[in-house]
Amino acid sequence: MSFVLGLTGSIGMGKTTTANFFRRAGVPVWDADAAVHRLYQAGGAAGPEIAEICPQAVTDGAVDRGALKDWMARDDTALKQIEAIVHPLVAQDRADFLATHSDAPLVVLDIPLLYETGAADAMDAVLVVSVDATEQRRRVLERPGMTERTFASILARQVPDREKRQRADYVIETYDRDVTRQKVDALIDNLTKGM
């Protein structure tokens, strides 16, 4: 049975970079966002069910995220309806990943909304990646199409960084890529020692 490490962090904190360091070290990493992308693509499991509740959001079997956002802006019940479809499909994708990698000593579940969705309870430990608010803001606003308003909206839906750090088993600050990689390698060694 694998040791399951949940990886999370607010937007702009370096989660993707950190997940890639685990991958490069040979640790299997499941990415919640990538799972949703697979479910939404043509032929993905979410398409037919989303089409039943919002037909205009599915084109040629693929879910159109823009159309879903438009629907959510018009209908307060839309998000709950979407989540009722997507969350069980994502949970099954995660369970399939864990079953496939059950012989690995360590697996990482990269889940942006780990605390927000209550998924932390299913982890053996949680790693939070973090930087200060100034660096976070700089990183996020460098992203194409990102605005102050969008950034504020995303932050409002996330557990504050301070609280994530307090609840985490491990925290890695991601200011420097080389230092971050070294900390990831040290954590892998620590968690797999004796396995």
C-alpha atoms as a PDB file:
ATOM      1  CA  MET A   1       0.000   0.000   0.000  1.00  0.00           C
ATOM      2  CA  SER A   2       1.366   3.396  -1.022  1.00  0.00           C
ATOM      3  CA  PHE A   3       1.912   6.368   1.272  1.00  0.00           C
ATOM      4  CA  VAL A   4      -0.496   8.993  -0.108  1.00  0.00           C
ATOM      5  CA  LEU A   5       0.790  12.571   0.015  1.00  0.00           C
ATOM      6  CA  GLY A   6      -1.677  15.312  -0.819  1.00  0.00           C
ATOM      7  CA  LEU A   7      -0.086  18.294  -2.564  1.00  0.00           C
ATOM      8  CA  THR A   8      -1.857  21.631  -2.485  1.00  0.00           C
ATOM      9  CA  GLY A   9      -1.318  25.373  -2.397  1.00  0.00           C
ATOM     10  CA  SER A  10      -3.153  28.492  -3.408  1.00  0.00           C
ATOM     11  CA  ILE A  11      -2.874  29.906  -6.915  1.00  0.00           C
ATOM     12  CA  GLY A  12       0.640  31.058  -7.820  1.00  0.00           C
ATOM     13  CA  MET A  13       2.366  29.157  -5.024  1.00  0.00           C
ATOM     14  CA  GLY A  14       4.413  26.769  -7.209  1.00  0.00           C
ATOM     15  CA  LYS A  15       2.306  23.620  -7.033  1.00  0.00           C
ATOM     16  CA  THR A  16       2.820  22.595 -10.666  1.00  0.00           C
ATOM     17  CA  THR A  17       6.588  23.040 -10.447  1.00  0.00           C
ATOM     18  CA  THR A  18       6.684  21.052  -7.205  1.00  0.00           C
ATOM     19  CA  ALA A  19       4.544  18.254  -8.678  1.00  0.00           C
ATOM     20  CA  ASN A  20       6.968  18.050 -11.606  1.00  0.00           C
ATOM     21  CA  PHE A  21       9.906  17.608  -9.201  1.00  0.00           C
ATOM     22  CA  PHE A  22       8.099  14.605  -7.690  1.00  0.00           C
ATOM     23  CA  ARG A  23       7.494  13.194 -11.194  1.00  0.00           C
ATOM     24  CA  ARG A  24      11.150  13.637 -12.166  1.00  0.00           C
ATOM     25  CA  ALA A  25      12.108  11.733  -9.014  1.00  0.00           C
ATOM     26  CA  GLY A  26       9.956   8.811 -10.198  1.00  0.00           C
ATOM     27  CA  VAL A  27       7.000   9.386  -7.868  1.00  0.00           C
ATOM     28  CA  PRO A  28       3.594   8.790  -9.502  1.00  0.00           C
ATOM     29  CA  VAL A  29       1.573  12.045  -9.435  1.00  0.00           C
ATOM     30  CA  TRP A  30      -2.176  12.329 -10.005  1.00  0.00           C
ATOM     31  CA  ASP A  31      -3.330  15.781 -11.109  1.00  0.00           C
ATOM     32  CA  ALA A  32      -6.936  16.716 -10.288  1.00  0.00           C
ATOM     33  CA  ASP A  33      -7.029  19.468 -12.937  1.00  0.00           C
ATOM     34  CA  ALA A  34      -5.749  17.060 -15.607  1.00  0.00           C
ATOM     35  CA  ALA A  35      -8.412  14.539 -14.567  1.00  0.00           C
ATOM     36  CA  VAL A  36     -11.143  17.139 -15.094  1.00  0.00           C
ATOM     37  CA  HIS A  37      -9.621  18.007 -18.476  1.00  0.00           C
ATOM     38  CA  ARG A  38      -9.790  14.318 -19.505  1.00  0.00           C
ATOM     39  CA  LEU A  39     -13.392  14.084 -18.322  1.00  0.00           C
ATOM     40  CA  TYR A  40     -14.329  17.188 -20.346  1.00  0.00           C
ATOM     41  CA  GLN A  41     -12.579  16.296 -23.596  1.00  0.00           C
ATOM     42  CA  ALA A  42     -14.431  14.663 -26.501  1.00  0.00           C
ATOM     43  CA  GLY A  43     -15.350  11.139 -25.444  1.00  0.00           C
ATOM     44  CA  GLY A  44     -14.769  11.981 -21.775  1.00  0.00           C
ATOM     45  CA  ALA A  45     -17.152  10.628 -19.169  1.00  0.00           C
ATOM     46  CA  ALA A  46     -18.539  14.048 -18.163  1.00  0.00           C
ATOM     47  CA  GLY A  47     -19.780  15.042 -21.636  1.00  0.00           C
ATOM     48  CA  PRO A  48     -23.019  13.047 -21.826  1.00  0.00           C
ATOM     49  CA  GLU A  49     -24.061  13.933 -18.269  1.00  0.00           C
ATOM     50  CA  ILE A  50     -23.257  17.644 -18.673  1.00  0.00           C
ATOM     51  CA  ALA A  51     -25.216  17.630 -21.951  1.00  0.00           C
ATOM     52  CA  GLU A  52     -28.302  16.482 -20.042  1.00  0.00           C
ATOM     53  CA  ILE A  53     -28.253  19.484 -17.698  1.00  0.00           C
ATOM     54  CA  CYS A  54     -26.755  22.127 -20.041  1.00  0.00           C
ATOM     55  CA  PRO A  55     -26.889  21.030 -23.706  1.00  0.00           C
ATOM     56  CA  GLN A  56     -25.279  24.256 -24.996  1.00  0.00           C
ATOM     57  CA  ALA A  57     -22.127  23.467 -22.954  1.00  0.00           C
ATOM     58  CA  VAL A  58     -21.267  20.355 -24.995  1.00  0.00           C
ATOM     59  CA  THR A  59     -20.044  20.519 -28.584  1.00  0.00           C
ATOM     60  CA  ASP A  60     -18.995  17.411 -30.523  1.00  0.00           C
ATOM     61  CA  GLY A  61     -18.853  15.471 -27.244  1.00  0.00           C
ATOM     62  CA  ALA A  62     -16.499  17.941 -25.528  1.00  0.00           C
ATOM     63  CA  VAL A  63     -17.489  20.168 -22.621  1.00  0.00           C
ATOM     64  CA  ASP A  64     -17.028  23.885 -23.265  1.00  0.00           C
ATOM     65  CA  ARG A  65     -15.762  25.445 -20.026  1.00  0.00           C
ATOM     66  CA  GLY A  66     -16.655  28.930 -21.281  1.00  0.00           C
ATOM     67  CA  ALA A  67     -20.276  27.883 -21.758  1.00  0.00           C
ATOM     68  CA  LEU A  68     -20.285  26.367 -18.259  1.00  0.00           C
ATOM     69  CA  LYS A  69     -18.978  29.653 -16.825  1.00  0.00           C
ATOM     70  CA  ASP A  70     -21.693  31.570 -18.678  1.00  0.00           C
ATOM     71  CA  TRP A  71     -24.322  29.217 -17.266  1.00  0.00           C
ATOM     72  CA  MET A  72     -22.912  29.582 -13.733  1.00  0.00           C
ATOM     73  CA  ALA A  73     -23.065  33.383 -14.092  1.00  0.00           C
ATOM     74  CA  ARG A  74     -26.782  33.136 -14.972  1.00  0.00           C
ATOM     75  CA  ASP A  75     -27.880  30.329 -12.636  1.00  0.00           C
ATOM     76  CA  ASP A  76     -26.997  30.053  -8.944  1.00  0.00           C
ATOM     77  CA  THR A  77     -27.715  26.311  -8.982  1.00  0.00           C
ATOM     78  CA  ALA A  78     -25.384  25.540 -11.918  1.00  0.00           C
ATOM     79  CA  LEU A  79     -22.201  24.963  -9.915  1.00  0.00           C
ATOM     80  CA  LYS A  80     -23.862  22.455  -7.583  1.00  0.00           C
ATOM     81  CA  GLN A  81     -25.323  20.586 -10.559  1.00  0.00           C
ATOM     82  CA  ILE A  82     -21.933  20.458 -12.292  1.00  0.00           C
ATOM     83  CA  GLU A  83     -20.156  19.346  -9.122  1.00  0.00           C
ATOM     84  CA  ALA A  84     -22.727  16.581  -8.573  1.00  0.00           C
ATOM     85  CA  ILE A  85     -21.629  15.137 -11.914  1.00  0.00           C
ATOM     86  CA  VAL A  86     -17.917  15.907 -11.913  1.00  0.00           C
ATOM     87  CA  HIS A  87     -16.896  15.146  -8.302  1.00  0.00           C
ATOM     88  CA  PRO A  88     -17.839  11.425  -8.390  1.00  0.00           C
ATOM     89  CA  LEU A  89     -16.104  11.033 -11.781  1.00  0.00           C
ATOM     90  CA  VAL A  90     -12.940  12.699 -10.444  1.00  0.00           C
ATOM     91  CA  ALA A  91     -13.071  10.518  -7.326  1.00  0.00           C
ATOM     92  CA  GLN A  92     -13.261   7.409  -9.528  1.00  0.00           C
ATOM     93  CA  ASP A  93     -10.340   8.629 -11.649  1.00  0.00           C
ATOM     94  CA  ARG A  94      -8.312   9.144  -8.455  1.00  0.00           C
ATOM     95  CA  ALA A  95      -9.262   5.692  -7.129  1.00  0.00           C
ATOM     96  CA  ASP A  96      -8.218   4.118 -10.449  1.00  0.00           C
ATOM     97  CA  PHE A  97      -4.863   5.925 -10.248  1.00  0.00           C
ATOM     98  CA  LEU A  98      -4.273   4.708  -6.689  1.00  0.00           C
ATOM     99  CA  ALA A  99      -5.148   1.131  -7.661  1.00  0.00           C
ATOM    100  CA  THR A 100      -2.779   1.279 -10.640  1.00  0.00           C
ATOM    101  CA  HIS A 101       0.090   2.546  -8.464  1.00  0.00           C
ATOM    102  CA  SER A 102      -0.631   0.552  -5.289  1.00  0.00           C
ATOM    103  CA  ASP A 103       2.859  -0.976  -5.361  1.00  0.00           C
ATOM    104  CA  ALA A 104       4.617   2.431  -5.377  1.00  0.00           C
ATOM    105  CA  PRO A 105       6.041   3.367  -1.969  1.00  0.00           C
ATOM    106  CA  LEU A 106       4.826   6.961  -2.396  1.00  0.00           C
ATOM    107  CA  VAL A 107       2.188   8.605  -4.565  1.00  0.00           C
ATOM    108  CA  VAL A 108       1.278  12.288  -4.765  1.00  0.00           C
ATOM    109  CA  LEU A 109      -2.243  13.583  -5.300  1.00  0.00           C
ATOM    110  CA  ASP A 110      -2.034  17.121  -6.700  1.00  0.00           C
ATOM    111  CA  ILE A 111      -5.350  18.683  -5.646  1.00  0.00           C
ATOM    112  CA  PRO A 112      -5.679  22.487  -5.780  1.00  0.00           C
ATOM    113  CA  LEU A 113      -8.805  22.523  -3.582  1.00  0.00           C
ATOM    114  CA  LEU A 114      -7.662  19.781  -1.201  1.00  0.00           C
ATOM    115  CA  TYR A 115      -8.864  21.508   1.974  1.00  0.00           C
ATOM    116  CA  GLU A 116     -11.850  23.182   0.333  1.00  0.00           C
ATOM    117  CA  THR A 117     -13.291  19.814  -0.788  1.00  0.00           C
ATOM    118  CA  GLY A 118     -12.474  17.896   2.405  1.00  0.00           C
ATOM    119  CA  ALA A 119     -10.098  15.586   0.520  1.00  0.00           C
ATOM    120  CA  ALA A 120      -7.312  16.146   3.072  1.00  0.00           C
ATOM    121  CA  ASP A 121      -8.938  13.578   5.354  1.00  0.00           C
ATOM    122  CA  ALA A 122      -8.153  10.828   2.840  1.00  0.00           C
ATOM    123  CA  MET A 123      -4.412  11.617   2.732  1.00  0.00           C
ATOM    124  CA  ASP A 124      -1.658  10.084   4.852  1.00  0.00           C
ATOM    125  CA  ALA A 125      -0.049  13.544   4.958  1.00  0.00           C
ATOM    126  CA  VAL A 126      -0.413  16.930   3.258  1.00  0.00           C
ATOM    127  CA  LEU A 127       2.285  19.091   1.683  1.00  0.00           C
ATOM    128  CA  VAL A 128       1.461  22.770   1.175  1.00  0.00           C
ATOM    129  CA  VAL A 129       3.587  24.903  -1.133  1.00  0.00           C
ATOM    130  CA  SER A 130       3.739  28.574  -0.320  1.00  0.00           C
ATOM    131  CA  VAL A 131       5.285  31.995  -0.906  1.00  0.00           C
ATOM    132  CA  ASP A 132       4.428  35.400   0.557  1.00  0.00           C
ATOM    133  CA  ALA A 133       1.461  37.366  -0.771  1.00  0.00           C
ATOM    134  CA  THR A 134       3.634  39.810  -2.757  1.00  0.00           C
ATOM    135  CA  GLU A 135       5.395  37.035  -4.678  1.00  0.00           C
ATOM    136  CA  GLN A 136       2.130  35.162  -5.184  1.00  0.00           C
ATOM    137  CA  ARG A 137       0.466  38.254  -6.658  1.00  0.00           C
ATOM    138  CA  ARG A 138       3.449  38.919  -8.957  1.00  0.00           C
ATOM    139  CA  ARG A 139       3.393  35.348 -10.284  1.00  0.00           C
ATOM    140  CA  VAL A 140      -0.357  35.236 -10.825  1.00  0.00           C
ATOM    141  CA  LEU A 141      -0.639  38.613 -12.549  1.00  0.00           C
ATOM    142  CA  GLU A 142       2.094  37.570 -15.001  1.00  0.00           C
ATOM    143  CA  ARG A 143      -0.239  34.879 -16.358  1.00  0.00           C
ATOM    144  CA  PRO A 144      -1.829  35.643 -19.726  1.00  0.00           C
ATOM    145  CA  GLY A 145      -5.325  37.077 -19.360  1.00  0.00           C
ATOM    146  CA  MET A 146      -5.169  37.316 -15.562  1.00  0.00           C
ATOM    147  CA  THR A 147      -6.681  40.403 -13.983  1.00  0.00           C
ATOM    148  CA  GLU A 148      -6.780  41.744 -10.432  1.00  0.00           C
ATOM    149  CA  ARG A 149     -10.498  41.014 -10.360  1.00  0.00           C
ATOM    150  CA  THR A 150     -10.095  37.396 -11.468  1.00  0.00           C
ATOM    151  CA  PHE A 151      -7.241  36.898  -9.007  1.00  0.00           C
ATOM    152  CA  ALA A 152      -9.354  38.289  -6.151  1.00  0.00           C
ATOM    153  CA  SER A 153     -12.258  36.038  -7.157  1.00  0.00           C
ATOM    154  CA  ILE A 154     -10.027  32.937  -7.140  1.00  0.00           C
ATOM    155  CA  LEU A 155      -8.516  33.834  -3.759  1.00  0.00           C
ATOM    156  CA  ALA A 156     -11.983  34.330  -2.282  1.00  0.00           C
ATOM    157  CA  ARG A 157     -12.815  30.677  -3.061  1.00  0.00           C
ATOM    158  CA  GLN A 158      -9.607  29.285  -1.536  1.00  0.00           C
ATOM    159  CA  VAL A 159      -8.721  28.563   2.076  1.00  0.00           C
ATOM    160  CA  PRO A 160      -6.225  31.296   3.070  1.00  0.00           C
ATOM    161  CA  ASP A 161      -2.552  30.365   2.753  1.00  0.00           C
ATOM    162  CA  ARG A 162      -1.936  30.972   6.465  1.00  0.00           C
ATOM    163  CA  GLU A 163      -4.594  28.388   7.373  1.00  0.00           C
ATOM    164  CA  LYS A 164      -3.258  25.877   4.830  1.00  0.00           C
ATOM    165  CA  ARG A 165       0.220  26.198   6.308  1.00  0.00           C
ATOM    166  CA  GLN A 166      -1.134  25.629   9.816  1.00  0.00           C
ATOM    167  CA  ARG A 167      -3.053  22.510   8.776  1.00  0.00           C
ATOM    168  CA  ALA A 168      -0.264  20.989   6.654  1.00  0.00           C
ATOM    169  CA  ASP A 169       2.069  18.202   7.731  1.00  0.00           C
ATOM    170  CA  TYR A 170       4.809  19.666   5.513  1.00  0.00           C
ATOM    171  CA  VAL A 171       5.376  23.124   3.994  1.00  0.00           C
ATOM    172  CA  ILE A 172       7.827  23.935   1.211  1.00  0.00           C
ATOM    173  CA  GLU A 173       8.430  27.553   0.242  1.00  0.00           C
ATOM    174  CA  THR A 174       8.973  27.768  -3.511  1.00  0.00           C
ATOM    175  CA  TYR A 175      10.989  30.949  -4.028  1.00  0.00           C
ATOM    176  CA  ASP A 176      13.961  29.149  -5.601  1.00  0.00           C
ATOM    177  CA  ARG A 177      13.585  26.192  -7.991  1.00  0.00           C
ATOM    178  CA  ASP A 178      16.813  24.440  -6.952  1.00  0.00           C
ATOM    179  CA  VAL A 179      16.023  24.752  -3.253  1.00  0.00           C
ATOM    180  CA  THR A 180      12.480  23.536  -3.887  1.00  0.00           C
ATOM    181  CA  ARG A 181      13.794  20.481  -5.759  1.00  0.00           C
ATOM    182  CA  GLN A 182      16.217  19.711  -2.927  1.00  0.00           C
ATOM    183  CA  LYS A 183      13.403  19.952  -0.381  1.00  0.00           C
ATOM    184  CA  VAL A 184      11.214  17.662  -2.493  1.00  0.00           C
ATOM    185  CA  ASP A 185      14.039  15.108  -2.748  1.00  0.00           C
ATOM    186  CA  ALA A 186      14.604  15.276   1.024  1.00  0.00           C
ATOM    187  CA  LEU A 187      10.886  14.797   1.686  1.00  0.00           C
ATOM    188  CA  ILE A 188      10.775  11.788  -0.649  1.00  0.00           C
ATOM    189  CA  ASP A 189      13.732  10.264   1.213  1.00  0.00           C
ATOM    190  CA  ASN A 190      12.052  10.947   4.553  1.00  0.00           C
ATOM    191  CA  LEU A 191       8.691   9.456   3.542  1.00  0.00           C
ATOM    192  CA  THR A 192      10.103   6.353   1.830  1.00  0.00           C
ATOM    193  CA  LYS A 193      12.802   5.513   4.363  1.00  0.00           C
ATOM    194  CA  GLY A 194      12.429   1.881   5.371  1.00  0.00           C
ATOM    195  CA  MET A 195       9.832   1.086   2.696  1.00  0.00           C
END
